[in-house]
N, C-alpha and C. Protein backbone atom coordinates (compact mmCIF):
# COMPACT_ATOMS: atom_id res chain seq x y z
N UNK A 1 -177.38 65.95 -131.99
CA UNK A 1 -176.72 64.81 -131.88
C UNK A 1 -176.86 63.79 -132.95
N UNK A 2 -176.17 63.05 -133.54
CA UNK A 2 -176.50 61.78 -134.42
C UNK A 2 -176.45 60.61 -133.86
N UNK A 3 -177.30 59.53 -134.20
CA UNK A 3 -177.08 58.38 -133.78
C UNK A 3 -176.26 57.77 -133.18
N UNK A 4 -174.89 57.70 -134.15
CA UNK A 4 -173.71 57.16 -133.56
C UNK A 4 -172.96 58.20 -132.39
N UNK A 5 -173.62 59.13 -132.14
CA UNK A 5 -173.09 60.12 -131.09
C UNK A 5 -173.77 59.58 -129.75
N UNK A 6 -175.15 59.10 -129.98
CA UNK A 6 -176.00 58.83 -128.79
C UNK A 6 -175.71 57.45 -128.42
N UNK A 7 -175.52 56.66 -128.99
CA UNK A 7 -175.40 54.82 -128.82
C UNK A 7 -173.60 54.95 -128.72
N UNK A 8 -173.44 54.78 -127.36
CA UNK A 8 -171.80 54.49 -127.47
C UNK A 8 -171.13 53.12 -127.67
N UNK A 9 -171.91 52.31 -126.71
CA UNK A 9 -171.43 50.73 -126.91
C UNK A 9 -172.79 49.94 -126.37
N UNK A 10 -172.70 48.60 -126.87
CA UNK A 10 -173.76 48.20 -126.34
C UNK A 10 -173.12 47.20 -125.22
N UNK A 11 -173.76 46.87 -124.21
CA UNK A 11 -173.34 46.44 -122.96
C UNK A 11 -174.29 44.91 -122.68
N UNK A 12 -173.25 43.95 -123.50
CA UNK A 12 -174.02 42.29 -123.71
C UNK A 12 -173.03 41.50 -123.05
N UNK A 13 -172.11 41.68 -122.26
CA UNK A 13 -171.33 40.61 -121.71
C UNK A 13 -171.64 40.70 -120.23
N UNK A 14 -172.55 41.49 -119.85
CA UNK A 14 -172.92 41.25 -118.32
C UNK A 14 -173.87 40.04 -117.95
N UNK A 15 -174.00 39.62 -116.63
CA UNK A 15 -175.13 38.69 -116.55
C UNK A 15 -176.37 38.99 -116.66
N UNK A 16 -176.74 40.21 -116.12
CA UNK A 16 -177.84 41.16 -116.44
C UNK A 16 -178.21 41.12 -117.46
N UNK A 17 -177.42 41.74 -118.38
CA UNK A 17 -177.50 42.02 -119.68
C UNK A 17 -177.98 40.47 -120.34
N UNK A 18 -177.40 39.64 -119.80
CA UNK A 18 -178.00 38.23 -120.55
C UNK A 18 -179.38 37.58 -120.24
N UNK A 19 -179.94 37.87 -119.11
CA UNK A 19 -181.03 37.64 -118.56
C UNK A 19 -181.93 38.67 -119.07
N UNK A 20 -182.00 39.84 -119.46
CA UNK A 20 -182.79 40.80 -120.23
C UNK A 20 -182.92 40.46 -121.52
N UNK A 21 -181.53 40.03 -122.10
CA UNK A 21 -182.10 39.59 -123.89
C UNK A 21 -182.92 38.46 -123.82
N UNK A 22 -183.34 37.63 -122.82
CA UNK A 22 -184.56 36.76 -122.97
C UNK A 22 -185.54 37.36 -122.87
N UNK A 23 -185.89 38.83 -122.23
CA UNK A 23 -187.07 39.43 -122.26
C UNK A 23 -187.08 40.30 -123.07
N UNK A 24 -186.52 40.44 -124.37
CA UNK A 24 -186.26 41.11 -125.40
C UNK A 24 -186.12 42.37 -125.23
N UNK A 25 -184.99 42.60 -124.36
CA UNK A 25 -184.41 43.84 -124.18
C UNK A 25 -182.92 43.94 -124.25
N UNK A 26 -182.57 45.46 -124.73
CA UNK A 26 -181.10 45.19 -124.99
C UNK A 26 -180.26 46.44 -124.14
N UNK A 27 -179.22 46.31 -123.49
CA UNK A 27 -178.66 47.46 -122.78
C UNK A 27 -177.45 48.11 -123.64
N UNK A 28 -177.73 49.36 -123.63
CA UNK A 28 -176.45 50.33 -124.11
C UNK A 28 -175.74 50.95 -123.22
N UNK A 29 -174.60 51.80 -123.43
CA UNK A 29 -174.18 52.73 -122.79
C UNK A 29 -174.32 54.07 -123.79
N UNK A 30 -174.93 55.02 -123.19
CA UNK A 30 -175.39 56.16 -124.07
C UNK A 30 -174.80 57.50 -123.47
N UNK A 31 -174.97 58.43 -124.38
CA UNK A 31 -174.54 59.85 -124.03
C UNK A 31 -175.08 60.45 -122.66
N UNK A 32 -174.51 60.99 -121.97
CA UNK A 32 -175.19 61.41 -120.66
C UNK A 32 -176.03 62.57 -120.89
N UNK A 33 -176.08 63.02 -122.04
CA UNK A 33 -177.12 64.17 -122.46
C UNK A 33 -178.24 63.87 -123.19
N UNK A 34 -178.28 62.46 -123.75
CA UNK A 34 -179.28 61.87 -124.06
C UNK A 34 -180.50 61.64 -123.48
N UNK A 35 -181.97 62.31 -123.77
CA UNK A 35 -183.11 61.67 -123.33
C UNK A 35 -183.80 60.56 -123.76
N UNK A 36 -184.73 60.04 -123.24
CA UNK A 36 -185.26 58.72 -123.74
C UNK A 36 -185.87 58.94 -125.12
N UNK A 37 -186.40 60.06 -125.82
CA UNK A 37 -186.80 60.05 -126.75
C UNK A 37 -185.63 60.06 -127.79
N UNK A 38 -184.74 60.52 -127.57
CA UNK A 38 -183.41 60.62 -128.52
C UNK A 38 -182.88 59.16 -128.66
N UNK A 39 -182.79 58.29 -127.58
CA UNK A 39 -182.12 57.18 -127.32
C UNK A 39 -183.05 55.94 -128.42
N UNK A 40 -184.39 56.35 -128.35
CA UNK A 40 -185.33 55.69 -128.74
C UNK A 40 -185.29 55.51 -130.53
N UNK A 41 -185.06 57.20 -130.88
CA UNK A 41 -184.62 57.38 -132.30
C UNK A 41 -183.63 57.00 -132.89
N UNK A 42 -182.41 56.63 -132.04
CA UNK A 42 -181.06 56.40 -132.37
C UNK A 42 -181.05 54.94 -132.42
N UNK A 43 -181.64 54.25 -131.62
CA UNK A 43 -181.83 52.80 -131.75
C UNK A 43 -182.57 52.24 -132.89
N UNK A 44 -183.66 52.82 -133.14
CA UNK A 44 -184.43 52.68 -134.36
C UNK A 44 -183.73 53.09 -135.60
N UNK A 45 -183.18 54.02 -135.76
CA UNK A 45 -182.18 54.43 -136.74
C UNK A 45 -181.05 53.41 -137.15
N UNK A 46 -179.97 53.11 -136.31
CA UNK A 46 -179.06 52.31 -136.27
C UNK A 46 -179.38 51.03 -136.41
N UNK A 47 -180.37 50.40 -135.89
CA UNK A 47 -180.53 48.91 -136.21
C UNK A 47 -181.66 48.25 -136.79
N UNK A 48 -182.62 49.33 -137.19
CA UNK A 48 -183.87 48.94 -137.93
C UNK A 48 -184.82 48.06 -137.17
N UNK A 49 -184.80 48.63 -135.85
CA UNK A 49 -185.93 47.84 -134.98
C UNK A 49 -187.17 48.80 -134.62
N UNK A 50 -188.02 48.42 -133.81
CA UNK A 50 -188.80 49.30 -133.09
C UNK A 50 -188.94 48.82 -131.60
N UNK A 51 -188.78 50.17 -131.04
CA UNK A 51 -188.67 50.32 -129.65
C UNK A 51 -190.18 50.22 -128.81
N UNK A 52 -190.33 49.56 -127.98
CA UNK A 52 -191.64 49.50 -126.97
C UNK A 52 -191.42 50.51 -125.97
N UNK A 53 -190.21 50.46 -125.27
CA UNK A 53 -189.92 51.37 -124.21
C UNK A 53 -188.44 51.50 -123.85
N UNK A 54 -187.79 52.60 -123.45
CA UNK A 54 -186.66 52.88 -122.67
C UNK A 54 -186.51 53.19 -121.31
N UNK A 55 -185.76 52.67 -120.64
CA UNK A 55 -185.70 52.93 -119.21
C UNK A 55 -183.68 53.32 -119.01
N UNK A 56 -183.57 54.61 -118.31
CA UNK A 56 -182.17 54.81 -118.27
C UNK A 56 -181.82 55.06 -116.96
N UNK A 57 -180.47 54.97 -116.65
CA UNK A 57 -179.96 55.01 -115.13
C UNK A 57 -178.50 55.75 -115.42
N UNK A 58 -178.30 56.70 -114.34
CA UNK A 58 -177.13 57.53 -114.36
C UNK A 58 -176.18 56.91 -113.39
N UNK A 59 -175.07 56.78 -113.93
CA UNK A 59 -174.12 55.89 -112.75
C UNK A 59 -173.00 57.25 -112.58
N UNK A 60 -172.74 57.54 -111.24
CA UNK A 60 -171.70 58.56 -110.94
C UNK A 60 -170.41 58.13 -110.79
N UNK A 61 -169.40 58.77 -111.25
CA UNK A 61 -167.85 57.94 -111.35
C UNK A 61 -167.32 57.85 -110.06
N UNK A 62 -166.75 56.80 -109.51
CA UNK A 62 -166.46 56.43 -108.04
C UNK A 62 -165.07 56.78 -108.08
N UNK A 63 -164.84 57.15 -106.74
CA UNK A 63 -163.51 57.50 -106.29
C UNK A 63 -162.36 56.30 -106.39
N UNK A 64 -161.39 56.11 -107.11
CA UNK A 64 -160.41 54.60 -107.08
C UNK A 64 -159.10 55.57 -106.72
N UNK A 65 -158.41 54.53 -105.99
CA UNK A 65 -156.62 54.92 -105.93
C UNK A 65 -156.05 54.37 -107.22
N UNK A 66 -155.17 55.57 -107.57
CA UNK A 66 -154.17 54.89 -108.43
C UNK A 66 -152.71 55.53 -107.88
N UNK A 67 -152.34 54.56 -107.46
CA UNK A 67 -150.84 54.59 -106.68
C UNK A 67 -151.27 55.69 -105.34
N UNK A 68 -150.66 56.81 -105.29
CA UNK A 68 -150.79 57.76 -103.98
C UNK A 68 -151.99 58.53 -104.22
N UNK A 69 -152.37 58.69 -105.28
CA UNK A 69 -153.51 59.83 -105.56
C UNK A 69 -154.81 59.04 -105.85
N UNK A 70 -155.55 59.72 -105.42
CA UNK A 70 -157.12 59.54 -105.51
C UNK A 70 -157.79 60.27 -107.16
N UNK A 71 -157.79 59.17 -107.93
CA UNK A 71 -158.80 59.64 -109.02
C UNK A 71 -160.42 59.01 -109.27
N UNK A 72 -161.03 59.98 -110.21
CA UNK A 72 -162.29 59.59 -109.93
C UNK A 72 -162.90 59.11 -111.59
N UNK A 73 -163.36 57.99 -111.43
CA UNK A 73 -163.88 57.13 -112.52
C UNK A 73 -164.87 58.41 -113.33
N UNK A 74 -165.14 57.65 -114.83
CA UNK A 74 -165.99 58.81 -115.39
C UNK A 74 -167.26 58.35 -115.08
N UNK A 75 -168.44 59.31 -115.08
CA UNK A 75 -169.85 59.06 -114.86
C UNK A 75 -170.33 58.80 -116.23
N UNK A 76 -171.43 57.80 -116.27
CA UNK A 76 -171.94 57.41 -117.43
C UNK A 76 -173.56 57.03 -117.36
N UNK A 77 -174.07 56.83 -118.31
CA UNK A 77 -175.57 56.43 -118.44
C UNK A 77 -175.72 55.39 -119.13
N UNK A 78 -176.70 54.48 -118.69
CA UNK A 78 -177.04 53.07 -119.27
C UNK A 78 -178.52 53.23 -119.79
N UNK A 79 -178.87 52.74 -120.57
CA UNK A 79 -180.23 52.71 -121.35
C UNK A 79 -180.51 51.08 -121.35
N UNK A 80 -181.79 50.83 -120.89
CA UNK A 80 -182.53 49.65 -121.23
C UNK A 80 -183.22 49.75 -121.93
N UNK A 81 -183.20 49.29 -123.08
CA UNK A 81 -184.15 49.50 -124.53
C UNK A 81 -185.17 48.04 -124.74
N UNK A 82 -186.47 48.19 -124.55
CA UNK A 82 -187.13 47.12 -124.75
C UNK A 82 -187.85 47.35 -126.31
N UNK A 83 -187.59 45.80 -127.18
CA UNK A 83 -187.84 45.91 -128.54
C UNK A 83 -189.31 45.35 -128.40
N UNK A 84 -190.01 45.91 -129.68
CA UNK A 84 -191.27 45.31 -129.81
C UNK A 84 -191.00 43.78 -129.92
N UNK A 85 -192.31 43.23 -130.01
CA UNK A 85 -192.35 41.60 -130.29
C UNK A 85 -191.91 41.39 -131.83
N UNK A 86 -191.08 40.32 -132.31
CA UNK A 86 -190.77 39.99 -133.65
C UNK A 86 -189.35 40.78 -133.86
N UNK A 87 -188.73 41.84 -133.05
CA UNK A 87 -187.35 42.19 -133.48
C UNK A 87 -186.54 41.93 -132.65
N UNK A 88 -185.11 41.75 -132.86
CA UNK A 88 -183.97 41.45 -132.25
C UNK A 88 -182.88 41.82 -132.90
N UNK A 89 -181.87 42.31 -131.88
CA UNK A 89 -180.53 42.82 -132.14
C UNK A 89 -179.55 41.78 -132.01
N UNK A 90 -178.69 41.53 -133.16
CA UNK A 90 -177.65 40.34 -132.58
C UNK A 90 -176.42 41.14 -132.60
N UNK A 91 -175.68 41.32 -131.52
CA UNK A 91 -174.35 41.94 -131.56
C UNK A 91 -172.99 40.77 -131.68
N UNK A 92 -173.34 39.69 -131.15
CA UNK A 92 -172.23 38.88 -131.32
C UNK A 92 -172.91 37.52 -132.23
N UNK A 93 -172.08 36.46 -132.35
CA UNK A 93 -172.46 35.11 -132.90
C UNK A 93 -172.91 34.44 -131.94
N UNK A 94 -173.92 34.11 -131.97
CA UNK A 94 -174.60 33.31 -130.34
C UNK A 94 -174.75 32.03 -130.84
N UNK A 95 -174.53 31.60 -131.91
CA UNK A 95 -174.79 30.21 -132.57
C UNK A 95 -173.66 29.19 -131.72
N UNK A 96 -172.42 29.70 -131.24
CA UNK A 96 -171.34 29.14 -130.52
C UNK A 96 -171.95 28.41 -129.15
N UNK A 97 -172.99 29.00 -128.80
CA UNK A 97 -173.48 28.33 -127.46
C UNK A 97 -173.85 27.13 -127.15
């Protein structure tokens, strides 16, 4: 898999992700088949940073009602990436705060 296929999107708009940003950690949605080593290499390749640690969590899809029928939301995987000191990833213009 290429780094673009492993890292699907950043999750930066949640309160927890904002708190983790202060601890030099970044949250991504990643491919469900990717392991920690692949995630580390993909982040280092895409964002030109050094990764200290990677933690992952799998989320199973929840059943939700869609009209009369019950549908299943998709399952997904989250990775919390801790960056080494001196490295940072900026997704949005944070000067507006």
